[in-house]
N, C-alpha and C. Protein backbone atom coordinates (compact mmCIF):
# COMPACT_ATOMS: atom_id res chain seq x y z
N UNK A 1 102.80 116.01 116.36
CA UNK A 1 104.09 115.33 116.47
C UNK A 1 104.65 115.47 117.88
N UNK A 2 104.35 116.57 118.59
CA UNK A 2 104.84 116.76 119.94
C UNK A 2 104.02 115.98 120.96
N UNK A 3 102.91 115.39 120.53
CA UNK A 3 102.06 114.66 121.44
C UNK A 3 100.99 115.51 122.08
N UNK A 4 100.99 116.82 121.78
CA UNK A 4 99.98 117.72 122.33
C UNK A 4 98.71 117.67 121.49
N UNK A 5 97.54 117.75 122.12
CA UNK A 5 96.28 117.73 121.34
C UNK A 5 96.15 118.96 120.45
N UNK A 6 95.55 118.78 119.30
CA UNK A 6 95.29 119.89 118.38
C UNK A 6 93.80 120.18 118.42
N UNK A 7 93.44 121.30 119.01
CA UNK A 7 92.03 121.67 119.14
C UNK A 7 91.53 122.35 117.87
N UNK A 8 90.25 122.22 117.61
CA UNK A 8 89.55 122.88 116.51
C UNK A 8 90.16 122.56 115.14
N UNK A 9 90.65 121.34 115.00
CA UNK A 9 91.06 120.86 113.68
C UNK A 9 89.84 120.30 112.96
N UNK A 10 89.81 120.45 111.65
CA UNK A 10 88.72 119.90 110.85
C UNK A 10 89.05 118.45 110.49
N UNK A 11 88.13 117.55 110.79
CA UNK A 11 88.31 116.13 110.49
C UNK A 11 87.36 115.77 109.35
N UNK A 12 87.90 115.15 108.31
CA UNK A 12 87.12 114.76 107.15
C UNK A 12 87.21 113.25 106.94
N UNK A 13 86.06 112.63 106.66
CA UNK A 13 86.02 111.22 106.28
C UNK A 13 85.42 111.17 104.88
N UNK A 14 86.22 110.78 103.90
CA UNK A 14 85.78 110.80 102.50
C UNK A 14 86.12 109.47 101.85
N UNK A 15 85.34 109.08 100.86
CA UNK A 15 85.64 107.84 100.15
C UNK A 15 85.84 108.06 98.66
N UNK A 16 86.12 109.33 98.29
CA UNK A 16 86.47 109.66 96.91
C UNK A 16 87.21 110.97 96.94
N UNK A 17 87.67 111.43 95.77
CA UNK A 17 88.37 112.72 95.71
C UNK A 17 87.47 113.84 96.20
N UNK A 18 86.16 113.72 95.97
CA UNK A 18 85.21 114.68 96.50
C UNK A 18 85.35 116.07 95.90
N UNK A 19 84.65 117.00 96.49
CA UNK A 19 84.65 118.39 96.06
C UNK A 19 85.25 119.26 97.15
N UNK A 20 86.19 120.11 96.82
CA UNK A 20 86.82 120.97 97.81
C UNK A 20 85.87 122.09 98.22
N UNK A 21 85.98 122.51 99.48
CA UNK A 21 85.25 123.68 99.96
C UNK A 21 86.10 124.33 101.04
N UNK A 22 85.72 125.54 101.47
CA UNK A 22 86.44 126.23 102.53
C UNK A 22 85.53 126.37 103.74
N UNK A 23 86.06 126.03 104.92
CA UNK A 23 85.30 126.19 106.16
C UNK A 23 85.26 127.67 106.53
N UNK A 24 84.36 128.07 107.46
CA UNK A 24 84.33 129.48 107.89
C UNK A 24 85.67 129.96 108.46
N UNK A 25 86.50 129.03 108.95
CA UNK A 25 87.81 129.40 109.49
C UNK A 25 88.87 129.51 108.42
N UNK A 26 88.49 129.28 107.15
CA UNK A 26 89.45 129.38 106.06
C UNK A 26 90.26 128.13 105.83
N UNK A 27 89.77 126.98 106.35
CA UNK A 27 90.47 125.71 106.18
C UNK A 27 89.88 124.97 104.99
N UNK A 28 90.75 124.45 104.14
CA UNK A 28 90.30 123.68 102.98
C UNK A 28 89.70 122.36 103.44
N UNK A 29 88.62 121.95 102.81
CA UNK A 29 87.98 120.69 103.18
C UNK A 29 87.49 119.94 101.97
N UNK A 30 87.00 118.72 102.20
CA UNK A 30 86.44 117.88 101.16
C UNK A 30 85.00 117.53 101.52
N UNK A 31 84.17 117.39 100.50
CA UNK A 31 82.80 116.96 100.76
C UNK A 31 82.83 115.56 101.34
N UNK A 32 82.08 115.34 102.40
CA UNK A 32 82.06 114.03 103.06
C UNK A 32 81.49 114.20 104.45
N UNK A 33 81.96 113.41 105.39
CA UNK A 33 81.53 113.51 106.78
C UNK A 33 82.55 114.35 107.54
N UNK A 34 82.07 115.32 108.30
CA UNK A 34 82.95 116.32 108.89
C UNK A 34 82.72 116.44 110.39
N UNK A 35 83.81 116.65 111.13
CA UNK A 35 83.73 116.93 112.55
C UNK A 35 84.85 117.89 112.91
N UNK A 36 84.80 118.44 114.12
CA UNK A 36 85.84 119.34 114.62
C UNK A 36 86.34 118.82 115.95
N UNK A 37 87.67 118.82 116.14
CA UNK A 37 88.20 118.33 117.40
C UNK A 37 87.89 119.29 118.54
N UNK A 38 87.73 118.72 119.75
CA UNK A 38 87.51 119.56 120.93
C UNK A 38 88.85 119.99 121.51
N UNK A 39 88.81 120.60 122.71
CA UNK A 39 90.04 121.12 123.30
C UNK A 39 91.06 120.03 123.61
N UNK A 40 90.60 118.80 123.74
CA UNK A 40 91.52 117.69 124.02
C UNK A 40 91.91 116.94 122.75
N UNK A 41 91.53 117.50 121.58
CA UNK A 41 91.90 116.89 120.30
C UNK A 41 91.03 115.71 119.91
N UNK A 42 89.95 115.47 120.64
CA UNK A 42 89.09 114.32 120.34
C UNK A 42 87.99 114.71 119.36
N UNK A 43 87.50 113.73 118.62
CA UNK A 43 86.44 113.97 117.66
C UNK A 43 85.57 112.72 117.54
N UNK A 44 84.37 112.93 116.99
CA UNK A 44 83.47 111.80 116.72
C UNK A 44 82.71 112.10 115.44
N UNK A 45 82.64 111.14 114.57
CA UNK A 45 81.85 111.23 113.34
C UNK A 45 80.69 110.25 113.48
N UNK A 46 79.47 110.78 113.45
CA UNK A 46 78.29 109.95 113.69
C UNK A 46 77.44 109.84 112.42
N UNK A 47 76.61 108.80 112.41
CA UNK A 47 75.69 108.55 111.29
C UNK A 47 76.44 108.42 109.96
N UNK A 48 77.59 107.77 110.01
CA UNK A 48 78.37 107.54 108.80
C UNK A 48 77.80 106.34 108.06
N UNK A 49 77.61 106.50 106.78
CA UNK A 49 77.09 105.40 105.97
C UNK A 49 78.13 104.29 105.85
N UNK A 50 77.69 103.02 105.96
CA UNK A 50 78.63 101.91 105.74
C UNK A 50 79.31 102.05 104.38
N UNK A 51 80.57 101.68 104.32
CA UNK A 51 81.28 101.80 103.06
C UNK A 51 82.70 101.33 103.19
N UNK A 52 83.40 101.30 102.06
CA UNK A 52 84.78 100.86 102.02
C UNK A 52 85.67 101.99 101.49
N UNK A 53 86.95 101.86 101.73
CA UNK A 53 87.95 102.79 101.20
C UNK A 53 87.74 104.23 101.68
N UNK A 54 87.32 104.37 102.91
CA UNK A 54 87.22 105.71 103.50
C UNK A 54 88.62 106.22 103.83
N UNK A 55 88.85 107.50 103.62
CA UNK A 55 90.09 108.16 104.03
C UNK A 55 89.77 109.15 105.14
N UNK A 56 90.60 109.13 106.19
CA UNK A 56 90.41 110.04 107.32
C UNK A 56 91.50 111.10 107.27
N UNK A 57 91.09 112.38 107.23
CA UNK A 57 92.01 113.49 107.02
C UNK A 57 91.80 114.53 108.12
N UNK A 58 92.90 115.07 108.65
CA UNK A 58 92.84 116.17 109.61
C UNK A 58 93.46 117.41 108.97
N UNK A 59 92.81 118.57 109.13
CA UNK A 59 93.27 119.81 108.53
C UNK A 59 93.10 120.97 109.50
N UNK A 60 94.10 121.82 109.55
CA UNK A 60 93.99 123.05 110.33
C UNK A 60 95.01 124.04 109.80
N UNK A 61 94.61 125.31 109.76
CA UNK A 61 95.54 126.35 109.30
C UNK A 61 96.78 126.35 110.18
N UNK A 62 97.96 126.41 109.54
CA UNK A 62 99.21 126.39 110.27
C UNK A 62 99.79 125.00 110.47
N UNK A 63 99.05 123.98 110.01
CA UNK A 63 99.51 122.60 110.12
C UNK A 63 99.47 121.94 108.75
N UNK A 64 100.33 120.93 108.58
CA UNK A 64 100.25 120.11 107.38
C UNK A 64 99.05 119.18 107.49
N UNK A 65 98.35 118.96 106.36
CA UNK A 65 97.27 118.00 106.36
C UNK A 65 97.80 116.64 106.78
N UNK A 66 97.03 115.91 107.55
CA UNK A 66 97.43 114.59 108.01
C UNK A 66 96.37 113.58 107.59
N UNK A 67 96.80 112.48 106.99
CA UNK A 67 95.89 111.42 106.53
C UNK A 67 96.25 110.12 107.22
N UNK A 68 95.25 109.41 107.72
CA UNK A 68 95.49 108.11 108.31
C UNK A 68 96.11 107.20 107.26
N UNK A 69 97.21 106.50 107.58
CA UNK A 69 97.93 105.72 106.56
C UNK A 69 97.09 104.64 105.89
N UNK A 70 96.13 104.09 106.61
CA UNK A 70 95.31 103.00 106.05
C UNK A 70 93.90 103.49 105.77
N UNK A 71 93.30 102.94 104.72
CA UNK A 71 91.91 103.26 104.42
C UNK A 71 91.00 102.44 105.34
N UNK A 72 89.83 102.98 105.59
CA UNK A 72 88.90 102.37 106.54
C UNK A 72 87.70 101.76 105.82
N UNK A 73 87.21 100.66 106.38
CA UNK A 73 85.96 100.06 105.93
C UNK A 73 85.02 100.02 107.11
N UNK A 74 83.78 100.43 106.91
CA UNK A 74 82.80 100.50 107.99
C UNK A 74 81.59 99.65 107.62
N UNK A 75 81.32 98.65 108.46
CA UNK A 75 80.15 97.80 108.24
C UNK A 75 78.95 98.36 108.98
N UNK A 76 77.77 97.91 108.61
CA UNK A 76 76.54 98.36 109.24
C UNK A 76 76.57 98.05 110.74
N UNK A 77 76.30 99.05 111.58
CA UNK A 77 76.27 98.88 113.02
C UNK A 77 77.63 98.88 113.69
N UNK A 78 78.71 99.02 112.93
CA UNK A 78 80.07 98.96 113.48
C UNK A 78 80.51 100.32 113.99
N UNK A 79 81.32 100.31 115.05
CA UNK A 79 81.93 101.52 115.59
C UNK A 79 83.45 101.35 115.59
N UNK A 80 84.15 102.30 115.04
CA UNK A 80 85.61 102.29 115.04
C UNK A 80 86.08 103.32 116.05
N UNK A 81 86.96 102.89 116.97
CA UNK A 81 87.38 103.77 118.06
C UNK A 81 88.90 103.97 118.06
N UNK A 82 89.31 104.99 118.80
CA UNK A 82 90.72 105.23 119.17
C UNK A 82 91.66 105.40 117.99
N UNK A 83 91.17 106.00 116.91
CA UNK A 83 92.06 106.33 115.80
C UNK A 83 92.89 107.55 116.17
N UNK A 84 94.15 107.58 115.73
CA UNK A 84 95.06 108.68 116.05
C UNK A 84 95.64 109.25 114.77
N UNK A 85 95.52 110.56 114.61
CA UNK A 85 96.14 111.29 113.50
C UNK A 85 97.18 112.24 114.09
N UNK A 86 98.40 112.20 113.57
CA UNK A 86 99.44 113.11 114.03
C UNK A 86 99.59 114.26 113.05
N UNK A 87 99.60 115.49 113.58
CA UNK A 87 99.71 116.67 112.74
C UNK A 87 101.02 117.39 113.03
N UNK A 88 101.69 117.86 111.97
CA UNK A 88 102.94 118.61 112.12
C UNK A 88 102.68 120.08 111.79
N UNK A 89 103.23 120.97 112.63
CA UNK A 89 103.08 122.39 112.36
C UNK A 89 103.87 122.79 111.12
N UNK A 90 103.28 123.69 110.35
CA UNK A 90 104.02 124.27 109.24
C UNK A 90 104.93 125.37 109.77
N UNK A 91 106.07 125.55 109.09
CA UNK A 91 107.07 126.48 109.59
C UNK A 91 106.93 127.89 109.03
N UNK A 92 107.73 128.79 109.60
CA UNK A 92 107.83 130.18 109.14
C UNK A 92 109.30 130.48 108.92
N UNK A 93 109.63 131.02 107.76
CA UNK A 93 111.00 131.44 107.46
C UNK A 93 110.97 132.94 107.19
N UNK A 94 111.72 133.69 107.97
CA UNK A 94 111.73 135.14 107.80
C UNK A 94 113.17 135.65 107.84
N UNK A 95 113.41 136.76 107.18
CA UNK A 95 114.75 137.33 107.16
C UNK A 95 114.74 138.72 106.55
N UNK A 96 115.92 139.34 106.53
CA UNK A 96 116.05 140.71 106.03
C UNK A 96 117.16 140.76 105.00
N UNK A 97 116.92 141.45 103.91
CA UNK A 97 117.90 141.58 102.83
C UNK A 97 118.48 142.99 102.88
N UNK A 98 119.82 143.08 102.97
CA UNK A 98 120.48 144.39 103.04
C UNK A 98 121.59 144.44 101.98
N UNK A 99 122.00 145.67 101.64
CA UNK A 99 123.10 145.82 100.68
C UNK A 99 124.42 145.89 101.44
N UNK A 100 125.51 146.18 100.73
CA UNK A 100 126.84 146.19 101.33
C UNK A 100 127.01 147.30 102.37
N UNK A 101 126.10 148.27 102.34
CA UNK A 101 126.16 149.36 103.32
C UNK A 101 125.15 149.18 104.45
N UNK A 102 124.58 147.96 104.52
CA UNK A 102 123.60 147.60 105.56
C UNK A 102 122.27 148.33 105.40
N UNK A 103 121.99 148.84 104.20
CA UNK A 103 120.69 149.45 103.93
C UNK A 103 119.72 148.38 103.45
N UNK A 104 118.45 148.46 103.85
CA UNK A 104 117.49 147.44 103.43
C UNK A 104 117.23 147.51 101.92
N UNK A 105 117.11 146.35 101.29
CA UNK A 105 116.76 146.28 99.88
C UNK A 105 115.25 146.10 99.77
N UNK A 106 114.60 147.10 99.21
CA UNK A 106 113.14 147.08 99.07
C UNK A 106 112.77 146.43 97.74
N UNK A 107 111.76 145.59 97.78
CA UNK A 107 111.25 144.88 96.59
C UNK A 107 112.32 143.99 95.96
N UNK A 108 113.24 143.50 96.77
CA UNK A 108 114.16 142.48 96.28
C UNK A 108 113.41 141.16 96.18
N UNK A 109 113.76 140.35 95.21
CA UNK A 109 113.13 139.04 95.05
C UNK A 109 113.80 138.04 95.99
N UNK A 110 113.00 137.32 96.76
CA UNK A 110 113.51 136.30 97.67
C UNK A 110 112.76 135.00 97.39
N UNK A 111 113.50 133.91 97.31
CA UNK A 111 112.85 132.62 97.07
C UNK A 111 113.41 131.56 98.00
N UNK A 112 112.54 130.61 98.33
CA UNK A 112 112.95 129.40 99.03
C UNK A 112 113.11 128.33 97.97
N UNK A 113 114.29 127.74 97.91
CA UNK A 113 114.56 126.75 96.86
C UNK A 113 114.94 125.41 97.48
N UNK A 114 114.59 124.35 96.76
CA UNK A 114 114.91 123.00 97.20
C UNK A 114 115.65 122.26 96.11
N UNK A 115 116.43 121.28 96.54
CA UNK A 115 117.22 120.50 95.59
C UNK A 115 116.32 119.56 94.79
N UNK A 116 116.53 119.55 93.49
CA UNK A 116 115.85 118.62 92.59
C UNK A 116 116.91 117.98 91.70
N UNK A 117 116.59 116.83 91.16
CA UNK A 117 117.52 116.14 90.26
C UNK A 117 116.81 115.92 88.92
N UNK A 118 117.47 116.32 87.85
CA UNK A 118 116.92 116.15 86.51
C UNK A 118 118.04 115.82 85.55
N UNK A 119 117.80 114.83 84.70
CA UNK A 119 118.80 114.40 83.71
C UNK A 119 120.15 114.09 84.35
N UNK A 120 120.10 113.51 85.55
CA UNK A 120 121.32 113.11 86.24
C UNK A 120 122.06 114.24 86.91
N UNK A 121 121.48 115.45 86.89
CA UNK A 121 122.16 116.59 87.50
C UNK A 121 121.36 117.18 88.65
N UNK A 122 122.05 117.89 89.54
CA UNK A 122 121.41 118.56 90.68
C UNK A 122 121.13 120.00 90.35
N UNK A 123 119.93 120.45 90.71
CA UNK A 123 119.57 121.85 90.51
C UNK A 123 118.70 122.30 91.66
N UNK A 124 118.56 123.63 91.78
CA UNK A 124 117.69 124.20 92.79
C UNK A 124 116.43 124.73 92.11
N UNK A 125 115.28 124.37 92.66
CA UNK A 125 113.99 124.81 92.12
C UNK A 125 113.24 125.58 93.19
N UNK A 126 112.61 126.68 92.79
CA UNK A 126 111.90 127.54 93.74
C UNK A 126 110.65 126.84 94.27
N UNK A 127 110.51 126.82 95.58
CA UNK A 127 109.31 126.30 96.22
C UNK A 127 108.34 127.42 96.57
N UNK A 128 108.86 128.63 96.77
CA UNK A 128 108.03 129.80 97.07
C UNK A 128 108.87 131.04 96.79
N UNK A 129 108.20 132.13 96.45
CA UNK A 129 108.91 133.38 96.15
C UNK A 129 108.05 134.58 96.53
N UNK A 130 108.72 135.68 96.87
CA UNK A 130 108.03 136.92 97.17
C UNK A 130 109.04 138.05 97.12
N UNK A 131 108.58 139.29 97.33
CA UNK A 131 109.48 140.44 97.37
C UNK A 131 109.53 141.01 98.78
N UNK A 132 110.64 141.67 99.10
CA UNK A 132 110.80 142.25 100.43
C UNK A 132 109.92 143.49 100.59
N UNK A 133 109.61 143.80 101.85
CA UNK A 133 108.79 144.98 102.13
C UNK A 133 109.69 146.22 102.26
N UNK A 134 109.13 147.29 102.79
CA UNK A 134 109.89 148.55 102.86
C UNK A 134 111.02 148.51 103.89
N UNK A 135 111.10 147.42 104.66
CA UNK A 135 112.20 147.25 105.62
C UNK A 135 113.21 146.23 105.11
N UNK A 136 112.98 145.72 103.90
CA UNK A 136 113.85 144.68 103.37
C UNK A 136 113.54 143.30 103.92
N UNK A 137 112.38 143.15 104.53
CA UNK A 137 112.02 141.90 105.21
C UNK A 137 111.15 141.02 104.32
N UNK A 138 111.43 139.74 104.35
CA UNK A 138 110.55 138.75 103.71
C UNK A 138 110.09 137.77 104.77
N UNK A 139 108.89 137.22 104.58
CA UNK A 139 108.34 136.26 105.54
C UNK A 139 107.54 135.21 104.79
N UNK A 140 107.97 133.97 104.92
CA UNK A 140 107.26 132.84 104.31
C UNK A 140 106.54 132.07 105.42
N UNK A 141 105.24 131.98 105.33
CA UNK A 141 104.46 131.22 106.30
C UNK A 141 104.04 129.89 105.69
N UNK A 142 103.57 128.98 106.55
CA UNK A 142 103.07 127.67 106.11
C UNK A 142 104.09 126.91 105.28
N UNK A 143 105.34 126.90 105.74
CA UNK A 143 106.41 126.19 105.04
C UNK A 143 106.44 124.74 105.51
N UNK A 144 106.39 123.82 104.58
CA UNK A 144 106.45 122.40 104.92
C UNK A 144 107.83 122.02 105.43
N UNK A 145 107.92 121.03 106.34
CA UNK A 145 109.23 120.59 106.80
C UNK A 145 110.12 120.17 105.63
N UNK A 146 111.40 120.45 105.74
CA UNK A 146 112.33 120.08 104.69
C UNK A 146 113.55 120.98 104.70
N UNK A 147 114.44 120.77 103.74
CA UNK A 147 115.67 121.55 103.62
C UNK A 147 115.49 122.57 102.50
N UNK A 148 115.84 123.83 102.80
CA UNK A 148 115.66 124.91 101.84
C UNK A 148 116.94 125.74 101.72
N UNK A 149 117.06 126.39 100.56
CA UNK A 149 118.09 127.39 100.33
C UNK A 149 117.38 128.72 100.10
N UNK A 150 117.86 129.77 100.76
CA UNK A 150 117.26 131.10 100.61
C UNK A 150 118.10 131.89 99.61
N UNK A 151 117.43 132.41 98.57
CA UNK A 151 118.12 133.13 97.51
C UNK A 151 117.48 134.51 97.35
N UNK A 152 118.32 135.55 97.36
CA UNK A 152 117.82 136.92 97.20
C UNK A 152 118.43 137.55 95.96
N UNK A 153 117.65 138.38 95.28
CA UNK A 153 118.12 139.05 94.09
C UNK A 153 117.56 140.46 94.03
N UNK A 154 118.47 141.44 93.90
CA UNK A 154 118.04 142.83 93.73
C UNK A 154 117.51 142.98 92.31
N UNK A 155 116.29 143.53 92.20
CA UNK A 155 115.65 143.61 90.90
C UNK A 155 115.92 144.93 90.17
N UNK A 156 116.90 145.71 90.63
CA UNK A 156 117.16 147.03 90.04
C UNK A 156 117.44 146.94 88.54
N UNK A 157 118.32 146.03 88.17
CA UNK A 157 118.69 145.96 86.75
C UNK A 157 117.50 145.55 85.88
N UNK A 158 116.67 144.66 86.39
CA UNK A 158 115.51 144.25 85.60
C UNK A 158 114.61 145.44 85.35
N UNK A 159 114.45 146.31 86.37
CA UNK A 159 113.61 147.49 86.19
C UNK A 159 114.29 148.47 85.24
N UNK A 160 115.60 148.60 85.34
CA UNK A 160 116.32 149.55 84.49
C UNK A 160 116.23 149.15 83.02
N UNK A 161 116.09 147.87 82.74
CA UNK A 161 116.02 147.44 81.35
C UNK A 161 114.77 147.95 80.65
N UNK A 162 113.77 148.37 81.45
CA UNK A 162 112.56 148.94 80.85
C UNK A 162 112.73 150.44 80.59
N UNK A 163 113.84 151.00 81.05
CA UNK A 163 114.11 152.42 80.85
C UNK A 163 114.72 152.62 79.46
N UNK A 164 114.14 153.48 78.60
CA UNK A 164 114.66 153.65 77.24
C UNK A 164 116.10 154.17 77.20
N UNK A 165 116.57 154.79 78.31
CA UNK A 165 117.94 155.29 78.35
C UNK A 165 118.95 154.25 78.83
N UNK A 166 118.44 153.04 79.16
CA UNK A 166 119.35 151.99 79.65
C UNK A 166 120.20 151.46 78.51
N UNK A 167 121.51 151.42 78.70
CA UNK A 167 122.42 150.89 77.70
C UNK A 167 122.67 149.41 77.98
N UNK A 168 122.39 148.58 77.00
CA UNK A 168 122.53 147.14 77.21
C UNK A 168 123.99 146.78 77.44
N UNK A 169 124.21 145.74 78.19
CA UNK A 169 125.56 145.31 78.51
C UNK A 169 125.50 144.07 79.38
N UNK A 170 126.58 143.76 80.06
CA UNK A 170 126.64 142.53 80.85
C UNK A 170 125.96 142.62 82.20
N UNK A 171 125.33 143.77 82.53
CA UNK A 171 124.67 143.89 83.83
C UNK A 171 123.53 142.89 83.94
N UNK A 172 123.36 142.34 85.14
CA UNK A 172 122.28 141.39 85.37
C UNK A 172 121.93 141.41 86.85
N UNK A 173 120.77 140.85 87.19
CA UNK A 173 120.41 140.72 88.59
C UNK A 173 121.30 139.65 89.22
N UNK A 174 122.00 140.00 90.28
CA UNK A 174 122.94 139.08 90.91
C UNK A 174 122.25 138.42 92.10
N UNK A 175 122.26 137.11 92.11
CA UNK A 175 121.64 136.36 93.20
C UNK A 175 122.64 136.14 94.32
N UNK A 176 122.16 136.27 95.56
CA UNK A 176 122.96 135.98 96.74
C UNK A 176 122.27 134.88 97.53
N UNK A 177 123.06 133.89 97.91
CA UNK A 177 122.53 132.74 98.64
C UNK A 177 122.85 132.89 100.13
N UNK A 178 121.92 132.47 100.96
CA UNK A 178 122.15 132.51 102.42
C UNK A 178 123.36 131.66 102.77
N UNK A 179 124.29 132.17 103.64
CA UNK A 179 124.17 133.45 104.35
C UNK A 179 124.67 134.65 103.53
N UNK A 180 125.74 134.53 102.78
CA UNK A 180 126.22 135.63 101.92
C UNK A 180 127.07 135.04 100.81
N UNK A 181 126.56 134.02 100.15
CA UNK A 181 127.33 133.32 99.11
C UNK A 181 126.89 133.78 97.74
N UNK A 182 127.82 133.75 96.78
CA UNK A 182 127.47 134.18 95.42
C UNK A 182 127.21 133.00 94.49
N UNK A 183 127.17 131.78 95.04
CA UNK A 183 126.83 130.62 94.21
C UNK A 183 126.20 129.54 95.07
N UNK A 184 125.48 128.65 94.41
CA UNK A 184 124.73 127.62 95.13
C UNK A 184 125.65 126.66 95.87
N UNK A 185 126.84 126.43 95.34
CA UNK A 185 127.76 125.48 95.96
C UNK A 185 128.21 125.96 97.33
N UNK A 186 128.27 127.27 97.52
CA UNK A 186 128.72 127.83 98.80
C UNK A 186 127.55 128.18 99.73
N UNK A 187 126.34 127.94 99.28
CA UNK A 187 125.16 128.29 100.08
C UNK A 187 125.03 127.37 101.28
N UNK A 188 124.46 127.90 102.34
CA UNK A 188 124.19 127.10 103.54
C UNK A 188 122.68 126.90 103.65
N UNK A 189 122.22 125.66 103.68
CA UNK A 189 120.77 125.43 103.75
C UNK A 189 120.22 125.69 105.13
N UNK A 190 118.91 125.86 105.20
CA UNK A 190 118.21 125.87 106.48
C UNK A 190 117.25 124.70 106.49
N UNK A 191 117.09 124.09 107.65
CA UNK A 191 116.19 122.95 107.79
C UNK A 191 114.99 123.35 108.61
N UNK A 192 113.80 123.20 108.04
CA UNK A 192 112.56 123.43 108.77
C UNK A 192 112.14 122.10 109.34
N UNK A 193 112.13 122.01 110.67
CA UNK A 193 111.82 120.75 111.33
C UNK A 193 110.32 120.51 111.37
N UNK A 194 109.95 119.33 111.81
CA UNK A 194 108.53 118.98 111.86
C UNK A 194 107.78 119.68 112.97
N UNK A 195 108.50 120.42 113.84
CA UNK A 195 107.79 121.24 114.83
C UNK A 195 107.63 122.67 114.34
N UNK A 196 108.00 122.91 113.06
CA UNK A 196 107.78 124.21 112.46
C UNK A 196 108.90 125.20 112.63
N UNK A 197 109.98 124.80 113.30
CA UNK A 197 111.06 125.75 113.57
C UNK A 197 112.22 125.55 112.60
N UNK A 198 112.73 126.64 111.98
CA UNK A 198 113.91 126.51 111.12
C UNK A 198 115.17 126.33 111.93
N UNK A 199 116.12 125.53 111.43
CA UNK A 199 117.39 125.32 112.12
C UNK A 199 118.53 125.89 111.28
């Protein structure tokens, strides 16, 4: 998206759903014709069988998969040149969860949520979730561009409910929305741009 070449991206040319596989670099791929971009982002696929409805896909760890908008048809002896695929970096969202005394919350549940609409109503649905580490830190990698709400919940009460001495009552895990809101209406979203940076 920035116009800079993407080196060592996996390029796939497929004409069906194909079979998924993993490259040695840990990149997901499809069975078909494969190439890797050079340092200038260029690639060449040779000895491709003539066919119709080919899809051209670019993949690299840390980037969103990119597919050429139009399907390709290749006739016998034909060469197709100067195709361009634009790739957007996936984002990283990281933060720290602390209590009212500024102490880190360990193993707190943190989720990235996005707005969804169902039955005419607005709701937030989790796109990813994890627990904080021993510093109260959470880190989400490979986040697709979009608008997210960050929600944290201390899991103490959930754990206490497994304790036979716990007395049942109105206690519950209380969710806090970024930056420090107690309900979704007061939450402030973060926007992950197409260059991978949260705003």
